[in-house]
Amino acid sequence: TLAGLMTLEAASGTELKGLDNAWRGAEAYHFWLLAHQQLYNGQVDAALRTALQLRHYDDVLEAGDVYAFLALVGFYSNFYGTCSKAFVRLESIGSIPKDRRKAFADLAMSIFAAHPPADPHSLAEGKERQSHSKGQHDALLNDLVANKDQVCVASGKALRDAPSVRCKTCKHSMIAAELAPQQHACPLCHGPLPSQEGGSRGRGSLKQSRVIEGVH
């Protein structure tokens, strides 16, 4: 199990590359399933935000699947700019057969003949980020933070300054408000979450009051 992987890593006392890769794969498929669940539940903006996160994992997931899903969610959420960039990426992936790439190009033509390739607004949450895009496709990630520990595994949102809970098993964090009232297990590894009573309500530092670590 995922919890077993972390137990083995802790027992060894070393960072094992294989285990790190296992967690990366778990993250990839977790966000993949989460994005689909959000889309099927009609939460199209949430699905788009999580789908953007999937681009970090195009070495684990099939790149064609990632960008095809991103194009789909961009279309349903009326983020035609994001949708257009996903189509551009799809048309440039050499591993996709030419006939399928042509089908993508034809579909994009039909979509953007009716809808200008522009996003209606920014997905940015909270205060403005201090980072800059590095390229055309990296611009899709403007609303995401650089590393996995700053992305909520319950929602795909950026953690920023929101009160959060950190799983002691897999070391991933989630926004407290995104957890169901009676949810006591991590959405990623299903390990037990620390109690939200006490630590988050003490008079410690601001960081300690916002991140529940569950100290023994």
Protein backbone atom coordinates (compact mmCIF):
# COMPACT_ATOMS: atom_id res chain seq x y z
CA THR A 1 0.00 0.00 0.00
CA LEU A 2 1.00 3.66 -0.25
CA ALA A 3 1.21 3.88 3.53
CA GLY A 4 3.51 0.85 3.48
CA LEU A 5 5.87 2.61 1.08
CA MET A 6 6.29 5.53 3.45
CA THR A 7 6.78 3.19 6.43
CA LEU A 8 9.55 1.39 4.57
CA GLU A 9 11.21 4.68 3.64
CA ALA A 10 11.12 5.91 7.23
CA ALA A 11 12.59 2.61 8.48
CA SER A 12 15.47 2.78 6.03
CA GLY A 13 16.37 6.32 7.10
CA THR A 14 17.23 7.29 3.50
CA GLU A 15 15.46 8.92 0.60
CA LEU A 16 15.00 6.13 -1.92
CA LYS A 17 14.61 7.18 -5.51
CA GLY A 18 12.28 4.28 -6.26
CA LEU A 19 9.92 5.26 -3.45
CA ASP A 20 9.98 8.88 -4.54
CA ASN A 21 9.04 7.78 -8.03
CA ALA A 22 6.24 5.65 -6.57
CA TRP A 23 4.81 8.68 -4.78
CA ARG A 24 5.09 10.72 -7.97
CA GLY A 25 3.09 8.10 -9.82
CA ALA A 26 0.51 8.03 -7.03
CA GLU A 27 0.18 11.83 -7.22
CA ALA A 28 -0.23 11.72 -11.00
CA TYR A 29 -3.09 9.21 -10.97
CA HIS A 30 -4.67 10.81 -7.92
CA PHE A 31 -4.94 14.18 -9.68
CA TRP A 32 -6.01 12.44 -12.91
CA LEU A 33 -8.94 10.76 -11.14
CA LEU A 34 -9.75 13.90 -9.15
CA ALA A 35 -9.96 16.02 -12.31
CA HIS A 36 -12.34 13.53 -13.94
CA GLN A 37 -14.49 13.38 -10.81
CA GLN A 38 -14.71 17.17 -10.71
CA LEU A 39 -15.68 17.32 -14.39
CA TYR A 40 -18.38 14.65 -14.02
CA ASN A 41 -19.73 16.50 -10.97
CA GLY A 42 -20.07 19.68 -13.04
CA GLN A 43 -17.24 21.50 -11.23
CA VAL A 44 -15.66 22.63 -14.49
CA ASP A 45 -13.43 25.39 -13.09
CA ALA A 46 -12.12 23.03 -10.42
CA ALA A 47 -11.56 20.34 -13.06
CA LEU A 48 -9.64 22.81 -15.21
CA ARG A 49 -7.40 23.83 -12.33
CA THR A 50 -6.63 20.20 -11.49
CA ALA A 51 -6.13 19.36 -15.18
CA LEU A 52 -3.52 22.11 -15.36
CA GLN A 53 -1.70 20.39 -12.50
CA LEU A 54 -1.53 17.20 -14.59
CA ARG A 55 0.96 18.84 -16.92
CA HIS A 56 3.59 18.34 -14.21
CA TYR A 57 3.13 14.61 -14.70
CA ASP A 58 3.30 14.17 -18.48
CA ASP A 59 6.31 11.93 -17.87
CA VAL A 60 4.10 9.55 -15.90
CA LEU A 61 0.79 9.92 -17.72
CA GLU A 62 0.51 9.85 -21.49
CA ALA A 63 1.09 13.42 -22.69
CA GLY A 64 -1.57 12.99 -25.36
CA ASP A 65 -4.14 11.99 -22.74
CA VAL A 66 -3.19 14.90 -20.47
CA TYR A 67 -3.56 17.57 -23.16
CA ALA A 68 -6.65 15.99 -24.73
CA PHE A 69 -8.32 16.11 -21.31
CA LEU A 70 -7.10 19.67 -20.76
CA ALA A 71 -8.57 20.70 -24.13
CA LEU A 72 -11.87 19.04 -23.20
CA VAL A 73 -12.09 20.74 -19.81
CA GLY A 74 -11.02 24.07 -21.30
CA PHE A 75 -13.87 23.78 -23.79
CA TYR A 76 -16.52 22.92 -21.20
CA SER A 77 -15.34 25.69 -18.85
CA ASN A 78 -15.29 28.28 -21.69
CA PHE A 79 -11.55 28.78 -21.23
CA TYR A 80 -10.95 28.73 -24.96
CA GLY A 81 -7.46 30.23 -24.63
CA THR A 82 -6.35 27.31 -22.47
CA CYS A 83 -8.22 24.93 -24.78
CA SER A 84 -6.38 26.37 -27.80
CA LYS A 85 -2.96 25.98 -26.18
CA ALA A 86 -3.77 22.36 -25.33
CA PHE A 87 -4.69 21.70 -28.97
CA VAL A 88 -1.41 23.29 -30.10
CA ARG A 89 0.44 20.93 -27.78
CA LEU A 90 -1.53 17.94 -29.05
CA GLU A 91 -0.68 18.78 -32.65
CA SER A 92 3.03 18.89 -31.78
CA ILE A 93 3.35 15.54 -29.95
CA GLY A 94 5.27 13.31 -32.32
CA SER A 95 4.12 10.07 -30.71
CA ILE A 96 0.52 10.78 -31.73
CA PRO A 97 -0.25 9.33 -35.21
CA LYS A 98 -0.54 11.89 -38.01
CA ASP A 99 -4.17 11.07 -38.76
CA ARG A 100 -5.09 11.66 -35.13
CA ARG A 101 -3.15 14.93 -35.02
CA LYS A 102 -5.01 16.02 -38.15
CA ALA A 103 -8.29 15.13 -36.45
CA PHE A 104 -7.25 17.35 -33.51
CA ALA A 105 -6.41 20.18 -35.92
CA ASP A 106 -9.78 19.86 -37.68
CA LEU A 107 -11.64 19.80 -34.37
CA ALA A 108 -9.72 22.87 -33.16
CA MET A 109 -10.60 24.70 -36.39
CA SER A 110 -14.31 24.01 -35.90
CA ILE A 111 -14.21 25.13 -32.26
CA PHE A 112 -12.26 28.34 -32.74
CA ALA A 113 -14.23 29.35 -35.81
CA ALA A 114 -17.11 29.85 -33.38
CA HIS A 115 -15.20 30.83 -30.22
CA PRO A 116 -12.19 33.20 -30.04
CA PRO A 117 -9.24 31.44 -28.34
CA ALA A 118 -9.26 33.56 -25.20
CA ASP A 119 -9.90 32.85 -21.51
CA PRO A 120 -12.70 34.80 -19.79
CA HIS A 121 -10.70 35.49 -16.62
CA SER A 122 -7.74 34.33 -14.60
CA LEU A 123 -7.86 31.22 -12.44
CA ALA A 124 -5.48 32.83 -9.95
CA GLU A 125 -6.46 32.42 -6.32
CA GLY A 126 -5.67 34.86 -3.53
CA LYS A 127 -2.75 37.23 -3.75
CA GLU A 128 -0.84 37.66 -6.98
CA ARG A 129 2.04 35.26 -7.51
CA GLN A 130 5.58 36.51 -7.90
CA SER A 131 6.54 34.07 -10.65
CA HIS A 132 6.64 34.52 -14.42
CA SER A 133 5.81 32.24 -17.32
CA LYS A 134 8.76 30.66 -19.12
CA GLY A 135 7.01 29.87 -22.38
CA GLN A 136 3.79 29.43 -24.30
CA HIS A 137 2.75 26.17 -22.66
CA ASP A 138 4.12 27.08 -19.24
CA ALA A 139 1.61 29.95 -19.31
CA LEU A 140 -1.05 27.29 -18.70
CA LEU A 141 0.40 26.93 -15.20
CA ASN A 142 0.22 30.56 -14.11
CA ASP A 143 -2.19 29.68 -11.33
CA LEU A 144 -0.20 26.78 -9.92
CA VAL A 145 2.69 26.70 -7.52
CA ALA A 146 6.02 25.08 -8.28
CA ASN A 147 6.02 22.04 -6.04
CA LYS A 148 3.59 19.35 -4.99
CA ASP A 149 3.62 20.30 -1.30
CA GLN A 150 1.87 23.59 -2.10
CA VAL A 151 -1.05 22.00 -3.95
CA CYS A 152 -4.09 20.74 -2.08
CA VAL A 153 -4.51 17.01 -2.73
CA ALA A 154 -8.21 17.27 -1.86
CA SER A 155 -9.05 19.91 -4.49
CA GLY A 156 -6.07 20.69 -6.74
CA LYS A 157 -6.06 24.29 -5.52
CA ALA A 158 -2.97 26.24 -4.51
CA LEU A 159 -2.58 26.18 -0.72
CA ARG A 160 -1.34 29.76 -0.35
CA ASP A 161 -2.40 31.13 3.05
CA ALA A 162 -5.42 28.89 3.57
CA PRO A 163 -5.55 26.88 6.83
CA SER A 164 -4.31 23.43 5.92
CA VAL A 165 -3.80 19.90 7.22
CA ARG A 166 -0.60 17.93 6.54
CA CYS A 167 -0.73 14.16 6.32
CA LYS A 168 1.96 12.57 8.50
CA THR A 169 2.04 9.48 6.29
CA CYS A 170 2.61 10.85 2.78
CA LYS A 171 3.61 14.41 3.84
CA HIS A 172 1.12 16.04 1.46
CA SER A 173 -1.11 18.93 2.46
CA MET A 174 -4.72 19.80 1.88
CA ILE A 175 -6.90 22.84 2.55
CA ALA A 176 -8.89 22.16 5.72
CA ALA A 177 -12.09 23.61 4.25
CA GLU A 178 -11.89 21.18 1.30
CA LEU A 179 -12.20 18.15 3.59
CA ALA A 180 -15.60 16.66 4.36
CA PRO A 181 -16.75 17.28 7.97
CA GLN A 182 -16.19 13.67 8.99
CA GLN A 183 -13.20 12.98 6.77
CA HIS A 184 -10.34 11.53 8.79
CA ALA A 185 -8.27 9.96 6.00
CA CYS A 186 -5.86 11.56 3.53
CA PRO A 187 -7.38 11.83 0.03
CA LEU A 188 -4.08 10.66 -1.49
CA CYS A 189 -2.71 7.83 0.68
CA HIS A 190 -5.77 7.18 2.89
CA GLY A 191 -3.59 7.38 5.98
CA PRO A 192 -5.17 8.81 9.17
CA LEU A 193 -5.14 12.59 9.40
CA PRO A 194 -4.08 14.37 12.60
CA SER A 195 -6.84 15.80 14.75
CA GLN A 196 -7.81 19.36 13.87
CA GLU A 197 -8.45 20.15 17.51
CA GLY A 198 -5.85 21.80 19.64
CA GLY A 199 -2.86 22.41 17.38
CA SER A 200 -4.67 24.66 14.96
CA ARG A 201 -6.29 26.67 17.72
CA GLY A 202 -3.28 27.34 19.91
CA ARG A 203 -1.33 30.56 20.28
CA GLY A 204 1.75 29.42 18.37
CA SER A 205 3.21 31.05 15.30
CA LEU A 206 1.01 31.98 12.36
CA LYS A 207 2.45 29.07 10.37
CA GLN A 208 1.74 26.63 13.21
CA SER A 209 -1.81 27.89 13.52
CA ARG A 210 -2.41 27.27 9.82
CA VAL A 211 -0.74 23.91 9.37
CA ILE A 212 -1.88 21.04 11.54
CA GLU A 213 1.06 18.66 11.93
CA GLY A 214 -0.21 16.33 14.64
CA VAL A 215 2.85 16.39 16.95
CA HIS A 216 3.22 13.32 19.20
